[in-house]
Amino acid sequence: MLTKKFLSTLIILTCILSPMSINGSERSIAQAEPRSEDYVFRRSWGGEGDQLSEPRDVAIGPDGRIYILSGDYVVIFQPNDRTFTGFGGRGTGEGQFTRPFGIVVDGIGNVYVADSENNRVQKFSADGDF
C-alpha cells in the first residue's frame, strides 16, 4: 500500500524533474514541452549546501518550499523562482549533522531534522537558522 508521504515525495520529485503545467479550469496536469536550455538533469550540482547526494527524505513547507535531506545537508528548493539554497554540514555541532535520516516541517515553517548518528533532533527556521 502506498503511503501519503511516499505519494507526496513522488509528486514532488516529478514536479522538480519534469516540467509541468497545471490547467486550473480542468484541474488536470499537462506535460509541458521541455526546452533544452531550461533544464539540465544531473546526478548532483552546485557546491556545499546545495548539492544532492543520496537524498533520504523530503518535506514541504507551508510556503511551498521543498526541503530535501541530502547527505549531511538540507537542500531548500524554492519553486517560485526555481532556486536552491541549503544548510547543514557534517559534524557534531549545532546545525551540523552526521547521517540525518528524517525531516519534517511544521505548520509555521519550522524545520526538524532527525540527526541519527548524533542521537538528536534539531530545530531550524524556514531559512535554516538554528
N, C-alpha and C. Protein backbone atom coordinates (compact mmCIF):
# COMPACT_ATOMS: atom_id res chain seq x y z
N MET A 1 0.84 -1.18 0.00
CA MET A 1 0.00 0.00 0.00
C MET A 1 0.89 1.24 0.00
N LEU A 2 0.57 2.19 -0.84
CA LEU A 2 1.35 3.42 -0.92
C LEU A 2 0.95 4.37 0.21
N THR A 3 1.95 4.90 0.89
CA THR A 3 1.67 5.85 1.97
C THR A 3 1.52 7.25 1.41
N LYS A 4 0.89 8.13 2.21
CA LYS A 4 0.70 9.52 1.80
C LYS A 4 2.05 10.20 1.59
N LYS A 5 3.03 9.92 2.50
CA LYS A 5 4.34 10.54 2.38
C LYS A 5 5.03 10.08 1.10
N PHE A 6 4.94 8.78 0.78
CA PHE A 6 5.56 8.27 -0.44
C PHE A 6 4.95 8.94 -1.66
N LEU A 7 3.63 9.06 -1.69
CA LEU A 7 2.97 9.68 -2.84
C LEU A 7 3.35 11.15 -2.97
N SER A 8 3.41 11.89 -1.83
CA SER A 8 3.81 13.29 -1.94
C SER A 8 5.24 13.42 -2.40
N THR A 9 6.12 12.53 -1.94
CA THR A 9 7.51 12.56 -2.38
C THR A 9 7.59 12.32 -3.88
N LEU A 10 6.84 11.34 -4.36
CA LEU A 10 6.83 11.03 -5.79
C LEU A 10 6.32 12.22 -6.61
N ILE A 11 5.27 12.88 -6.15
CA ILE A 11 4.73 14.04 -6.85
C ILE A 11 5.73 15.18 -6.86
N ILE A 12 6.38 15.42 -5.72
CA ILE A 12 7.37 16.50 -5.62
C ILE A 12 8.51 16.25 -6.58
N LEU A 13 9.07 15.05 -6.55
CA LEU A 13 10.20 14.75 -7.43
C LEU A 13 9.79 14.82 -8.89
N THR A 14 8.58 14.41 -9.20
CA THR A 14 8.09 14.51 -10.57
C THR A 14 8.02 15.97 -11.00
N CYS A 15 7.54 16.83 -10.11
CA CYS A 15 7.44 18.26 -10.43
C CYS A 15 8.81 18.90 -10.60
N ILE A 16 9.78 18.46 -9.81
CA ILE A 16 11.13 19.01 -9.92
C ILE A 16 11.79 18.54 -11.20
N LEU A 17 11.64 17.26 -11.51
CA LEU A 17 12.38 16.68 -12.63
C LEU A 17 11.64 16.76 -13.96
N SER A 18 10.36 17.04 -13.95
CA SER A 18 9.59 17.13 -15.19
C SER A 18 8.88 18.46 -15.26
N PRO A 19 9.12 19.23 -16.29
CA PRO A 19 8.39 20.49 -16.43
C PRO A 19 6.91 20.20 -16.65
N MET A 20 6.06 20.81 -15.83
CA MET A 20 4.63 20.55 -15.94
C MET A 20 3.86 21.86 -15.84
N SER A 21 2.68 21.86 -16.37
CA SER A 21 1.78 23.00 -16.18
C SER A 21 0.45 22.48 -15.69
N ILE A 22 -0.21 23.28 -14.87
CA ILE A 22 -1.49 22.85 -14.31
C ILE A 22 -2.59 23.71 -14.92
N ASN A 23 -3.56 23.06 -15.47
CA ASN A 23 -4.70 23.74 -16.06
C ASN A 23 -5.76 23.84 -14.98
N GLY A 24 -5.90 25.03 -14.37
CA GLY A 24 -6.79 25.23 -13.24
C GLY A 24 -8.25 24.97 -13.54
N SER A 25 -8.70 25.32 -14.74
CA SER A 25 -10.13 25.17 -15.03
C SER A 25 -10.51 23.69 -15.16
N GLU A 26 -9.63 22.88 -15.68
CA GLU A 26 -9.94 21.47 -15.85
C GLU A 26 -9.35 20.62 -14.72
N ARG A 27 -8.55 21.26 -13.85
CA ARG A 27 -7.90 20.57 -12.74
C ARG A 27 -7.14 19.34 -13.21
N SER A 28 -6.39 19.51 -14.27
CA SER A 28 -5.57 18.41 -14.78
C SER A 28 -4.12 18.88 -14.90
N ILE A 29 -3.24 17.93 -14.93
CA ILE A 29 -1.82 18.25 -15.08
C ILE A 29 -1.42 17.86 -16.49
N ALA A 30 -0.82 18.80 -17.20
CA ALA A 30 -0.40 18.54 -18.57
C ALA A 30 1.11 18.62 -18.67
N GLN A 31 1.71 17.70 -19.36
CA GLN A 31 3.16 17.70 -19.55
C GLN A 31 3.54 18.83 -20.50
N ALA A 32 4.47 19.67 -20.07
CA ALA A 32 4.95 20.76 -20.92
C ALA A 32 6.11 20.26 -21.76
N GLU A 33 6.31 20.88 -22.86
CA GLU A 33 7.44 20.52 -23.71
C GLU A 33 8.71 21.15 -23.15
N PRO A 34 9.69 20.35 -22.72
CA PRO A 34 10.92 20.93 -22.18
C PRO A 34 11.78 21.54 -23.27
N ARG A 35 12.43 22.62 -22.93
CA ARG A 35 13.41 23.22 -23.83
C ARG A 35 14.77 22.90 -23.24
N SER A 36 15.68 22.47 -24.06
CA SER A 36 16.97 22.01 -23.55
C SER A 36 17.72 23.10 -22.80
N GLU A 37 17.48 24.36 -23.14
CA GLU A 37 18.18 25.44 -22.44
C GLU A 37 17.60 25.70 -21.05
N ASP A 38 16.38 25.18 -20.77
CA ASP A 38 15.75 25.38 -19.47
C ASP A 38 16.12 24.32 -18.44
N TYR A 39 16.42 23.12 -18.87
CA TYR A 39 16.61 22.02 -17.93
C TYR A 39 17.88 21.24 -18.26
N VAL A 40 18.66 21.03 -17.23
CA VAL A 40 19.82 20.15 -17.34
C VAL A 40 19.71 19.18 -16.18
N PHE A 41 19.58 17.90 -16.47
CA PHE A 41 19.41 16.91 -15.42
C PHE A 41 20.76 16.31 -15.09
N ARG A 42 21.10 16.36 -13.82
CA ARG A 42 22.38 15.86 -13.35
C ARG A 42 22.15 15.04 -12.10
N ARG A 43 23.11 14.19 -11.80
CA ARG A 43 23.04 13.44 -10.55
C ARG A 43 23.29 14.36 -9.37
N SER A 44 24.15 15.35 -9.55
CA SER A 44 24.42 16.32 -8.49
C SER A 44 24.79 17.64 -9.14
N TRP A 45 24.72 18.70 -8.36
CA TRP A 45 25.08 20.02 -8.87
C TRP A 45 25.50 20.89 -7.70
N GLY A 46 26.08 22.03 -8.01
CA GLY A 46 26.39 23.04 -7.01
C GLY A 46 27.54 22.68 -6.11
N GLY A 47 27.65 23.45 -5.04
CA GLY A 47 28.71 23.24 -4.05
C GLY A 47 28.10 22.83 -2.73
N GLU A 48 28.85 23.00 -1.67
CA GLU A 48 28.38 22.59 -0.35
C GLU A 48 27.05 23.28 -0.03
N GLY A 49 26.12 22.50 0.51
CA GLY A 49 24.84 23.06 0.93
C GLY A 49 23.75 23.02 -0.11
N ASP A 50 24.09 22.88 -1.39
CA ASP A 50 23.04 22.83 -2.41
C ASP A 50 23.27 21.70 -3.40
N GLN A 51 23.89 20.64 -2.94
CA GLN A 51 24.20 19.52 -3.81
C GLN A 51 23.43 18.29 -3.34
N LEU A 52 22.75 17.61 -4.25
CA LEU A 52 22.06 16.38 -3.89
C LEU A 52 23.02 15.22 -3.92
N SER A 53 23.07 14.49 -2.83
CA SER A 53 23.91 13.32 -2.73
C SER A 53 23.19 12.33 -1.83
N GLU A 54 22.73 11.24 -2.41
CA GLU A 54 21.98 10.24 -1.67
C GLU A 54 20.81 10.86 -0.91
N PRO A 55 19.87 11.51 -1.59
CA PRO A 55 18.73 12.10 -0.89
C PRO A 55 17.96 11.04 -0.12
N ARG A 56 17.60 11.38 1.13
CA ARG A 56 16.96 10.41 2.02
C ARG A 56 15.51 10.72 2.34
N ASP A 57 15.15 11.99 2.37
CA ASP A 57 13.80 12.35 2.78
C ASP A 57 13.44 13.70 2.19
N VAL A 58 12.16 14.00 2.17
CA VAL A 58 11.69 15.26 1.61
C VAL A 58 10.49 15.75 2.42
N ALA A 59 10.36 17.06 2.54
CA ALA A 59 9.22 17.66 3.24
C ALA A 59 8.84 18.95 2.52
N ILE A 60 7.58 19.35 2.66
CA ILE A 60 7.09 20.58 2.03
C ILE A 60 6.68 21.54 3.13
N GLY A 61 7.17 22.79 3.04
CA GLY A 61 6.80 23.81 4.00
C GLY A 61 5.47 24.45 3.64
N PRO A 62 4.87 25.17 4.59
CA PRO A 62 3.57 25.80 4.33
C PRO A 62 3.65 26.88 3.25
N ASP A 63 4.84 27.39 2.97
CA ASP A 63 5.02 28.40 1.92
C ASP A 63 5.36 27.78 0.57
N GLY A 64 5.39 26.45 0.49
CA GLY A 64 5.66 25.77 -0.78
C GLY A 64 7.12 25.38 -0.98
N ARG A 65 8.00 25.79 -0.07
CA ARG A 65 9.40 25.37 -0.19
C ARG A 65 9.49 23.86 -0.03
N ILE A 66 10.42 23.27 -0.78
CA ILE A 66 10.64 21.83 -0.71
C ILE A 66 11.99 21.61 -0.05
N TYR A 67 11.99 20.85 1.03
CA TYR A 67 13.21 20.57 1.80
C TYR A 67 13.63 19.14 1.51
N ILE A 68 14.85 18.97 1.00
CA ILE A 68 15.35 17.65 0.65
C ILE A 68 16.54 17.34 1.55
N LEU A 69 16.45 16.24 2.29
CA LEU A 69 17.55 15.81 3.14
C LEU A 69 18.52 15.03 2.26
N SER A 70 19.71 15.58 2.09
CA SER A 70 20.67 15.05 1.14
C SER A 70 22.06 15.01 1.77
N GLY A 71 22.57 13.80 1.97
CA GLY A 71 23.86 13.68 2.64
C GLY A 71 23.76 14.26 4.03
N ASP A 72 24.67 15.16 4.37
CA ASP A 72 24.65 15.83 5.68
C ASP A 72 24.14 17.26 5.55
N TYR A 73 23.32 17.50 4.53
CA TYR A 73 22.78 18.83 4.26
C TYR A 73 21.27 18.79 4.08
N VAL A 74 20.66 19.95 4.25
CA VAL A 74 19.26 20.15 3.87
C VAL A 74 19.29 21.10 2.68
N VAL A 75 18.76 20.66 1.57
CA VAL A 75 18.68 21.48 0.36
C VAL A 75 17.26 22.04 0.30
N ILE A 76 17.15 23.36 0.11
CA ILE A 76 15.85 24.02 0.02
C ILE A 76 15.61 24.43 -1.42
N PHE A 77 14.55 23.90 -2.00
CA PHE A 77 14.16 24.26 -3.37
C PHE A 77 13.01 25.25 -3.28
N GLN A 78 13.19 26.42 -3.90
CA GLN A 78 12.16 27.46 -3.92
C GLN A 78 11.45 27.37 -5.28
N PRO A 79 10.27 26.75 -5.33
CA PRO A 79 9.62 26.53 -6.62
C PRO A 79 9.28 27.80 -7.38
N ASN A 80 8.99 28.90 -6.68
CA ASN A 80 8.59 30.12 -7.38
C ASN A 80 9.67 30.65 -8.29
N ASP A 81 10.92 30.64 -7.82
CA ASP A 81 12.00 31.17 -8.67
C ASP A 81 13.00 30.09 -9.07
N ARG A 82 12.68 28.83 -8.76
CA ARG A 82 13.49 27.67 -9.14
C ARG A 82 14.95 27.80 -8.68
N THR A 83 15.13 28.26 -7.45
CA THR A 83 16.49 28.37 -6.90
C THR A 83 16.67 27.39 -5.75
N PHE A 84 17.92 27.11 -5.47
CA PHE A 84 18.29 26.20 -4.39
C PHE A 84 19.16 26.93 -3.39
N THR A 85 18.91 26.68 -2.11
CA THR A 85 19.79 27.11 -1.03
C THR A 85 19.93 25.90 -0.11
N GLY A 86 20.66 26.05 0.96
CA GLY A 86 20.78 24.92 1.86
C GLY A 86 21.49 25.28 3.14
N PHE A 87 21.52 24.31 4.05
CA PHE A 87 22.22 24.49 5.31
C PHE A 87 22.65 23.14 5.84
N GLY A 88 23.52 23.18 6.83
CA GLY A 88 24.00 21.95 7.46
C GLY A 88 25.47 21.72 7.16
N GLY A 89 25.87 20.49 7.26
CA GLY A 89 27.25 20.09 7.05
C GLY A 89 27.58 18.98 8.04
N ARG A 90 28.62 18.25 7.75
CA ARG A 90 28.99 17.11 8.60
C ARG A 90 29.64 17.59 9.89
N GLY A 91 29.18 17.03 11.01
CA GLY A 91 29.78 17.36 12.29
C GLY A 91 28.85 17.08 13.44
N THR A 92 29.30 17.49 14.63
CA THR A 92 28.53 17.24 15.85
C THR A 92 28.04 18.53 16.50
N GLY A 93 28.38 19.68 15.92
CA GLY A 93 27.98 20.97 16.50
C GLY A 93 26.55 21.33 16.15
N GLU A 94 26.11 22.46 16.70
CA GLU A 94 24.77 22.95 16.40
C GLU A 94 24.65 23.24 14.90
N GLY A 95 23.59 22.76 14.30
CA GLY A 95 23.37 22.98 12.87
C GLY A 95 24.14 22.04 11.97
N GLN A 96 24.88 21.09 12.55
CA GLN A 96 25.61 20.10 11.76
C GLN A 96 24.95 18.73 11.96
N PHE A 97 25.19 17.84 11.01
CA PHE A 97 24.56 16.51 11.04
C PHE A 97 25.60 15.42 10.77
N THR A 98 25.26 14.24 11.27
CA THR A 98 26.00 13.04 10.90
C THR A 98 24.96 11.98 10.57
N ARG A 99 24.81 11.72 9.28
CA ARG A 99 23.83 10.78 8.73
C ARG A 99 22.40 11.07 9.19
N PRO A 100 21.90 12.26 8.92
CA PRO A 100 20.50 12.55 9.27
C PRO A 100 19.56 11.63 8.49
N PHE A 101 18.45 11.30 9.10
CA PHE A 101 17.57 10.31 8.49
C PHE A 101 16.18 10.81 8.13
N GLY A 102 15.68 11.83 8.82
CA GLY A 102 14.32 12.29 8.55
C GLY A 102 14.20 13.79 8.67
N ILE A 103 13.22 14.34 7.97
CA ILE A 103 12.97 15.78 8.00
C ILE A 103 11.46 16.03 7.96
N VAL A 104 10.98 16.96 8.78
CA VAL A 104 9.57 17.38 8.74
C VAL A 104 9.53 18.90 8.90
N VAL A 105 8.46 19.49 8.41
CA VAL A 105 8.24 20.93 8.54
C VAL A 105 6.87 21.10 9.18
N ASP A 106 6.81 21.93 10.25
CA ASP A 106 5.52 22.14 10.91
C ASP A 106 4.70 23.21 10.19
N GLY A 107 3.52 23.49 10.71
CA GLY A 107 2.58 24.40 10.07
C GLY A 107 3.02 25.84 9.98
N ILE A 108 4.02 26.26 10.78
CA ILE A 108 4.50 27.64 10.70
C ILE A 108 5.88 27.73 10.05
N GLY A 109 6.39 26.61 9.53
CA GLY A 109 7.62 26.63 8.75
C GLY A 109 8.88 26.19 9.48
N ASN A 110 8.78 25.82 10.76
CA ASN A 110 9.97 25.31 11.46
C ASN A 110 10.35 23.95 10.87
N VAL A 111 11.66 23.74 10.72
CA VAL A 111 12.18 22.52 10.12
C VAL A 111 12.82 21.68 11.23
N TYR A 112 12.47 20.39 11.28
CA TYR A 112 13.02 19.47 12.26
C TYR A 112 13.78 18.37 11.53
N VAL A 113 15.04 18.17 11.93
CA VAL A 113 15.88 17.17 11.28
C VAL A 113 16.28 16.12 12.32
N ALA A 114 16.00 14.84 12.01
CA ALA A 114 16.42 13.73 12.86
C ALA A 114 17.88 13.41 12.52
N ASP A 115 18.77 13.76 13.43
CA ASP A 115 20.21 13.61 13.24
C ASP A 115 20.63 12.27 13.85
N SER A 116 20.59 11.22 13.05
CA SER A 116 20.72 9.84 13.52
C SER A 116 21.96 9.55 14.34
N GLU A 117 23.12 9.78 13.77
CA GLU A 117 24.37 9.42 14.44
C GLU A 117 24.66 10.29 15.66
N ASN A 118 24.10 11.49 15.70
CA ASN A 118 24.30 12.37 16.85
C ASN A 118 23.18 12.21 17.90
N ASN A 119 22.24 11.29 17.64
CA ASN A 119 21.17 10.96 18.59
C ASN A 119 20.38 12.18 19.05
N ARG A 120 19.90 12.97 18.10
CA ARG A 120 19.15 14.17 18.45
C ARG A 120 18.24 14.60 17.31
N VAL A 121 17.33 15.49 17.62
CA VAL A 121 16.51 16.17 16.63
C VAL A 121 16.82 17.65 16.75
N GLN A 122 17.15 18.30 15.63
CA GLN A 122 17.47 19.72 15.64
C GLN A 122 16.35 20.52 14.99
N LYS A 123 16.10 21.71 15.53
CA LYS A 123 15.03 22.57 15.03
C LYS A 123 15.65 23.79 14.37
N PHE A 124 15.12 24.16 13.19
CA PHE A 124 15.61 25.31 12.41
C PHE A 124 14.45 26.16 11.97
N SER A 125 14.76 27.41 11.60
CA SER A 125 13.75 28.26 10.97
C SER A 125 13.58 27.79 9.53
N ALA A 126 12.62 28.37 8.83
CA ALA A 126 12.37 28.00 7.43
C ALA A 126 13.59 28.28 6.55
N ASP A 127 14.43 29.24 6.96
CA ASP A 127 15.63 29.58 6.19
C ASP A 127 16.86 28.81 6.63
N GLY A 128 16.73 27.97 7.67
CA GLY A 128 17.86 27.16 8.12
C GLY A 128 18.63 27.73 9.29
N ASP A 129 18.09 28.76 9.93
CA ASP A 129 18.77 29.31 11.10
C ASP A 129 18.51 28.40 12.29
N PHE A 130 19.59 28.08 13.03
CA PHE A 130 19.48 27.16 14.17
C PHE A 130 18.85 27.89 15.35
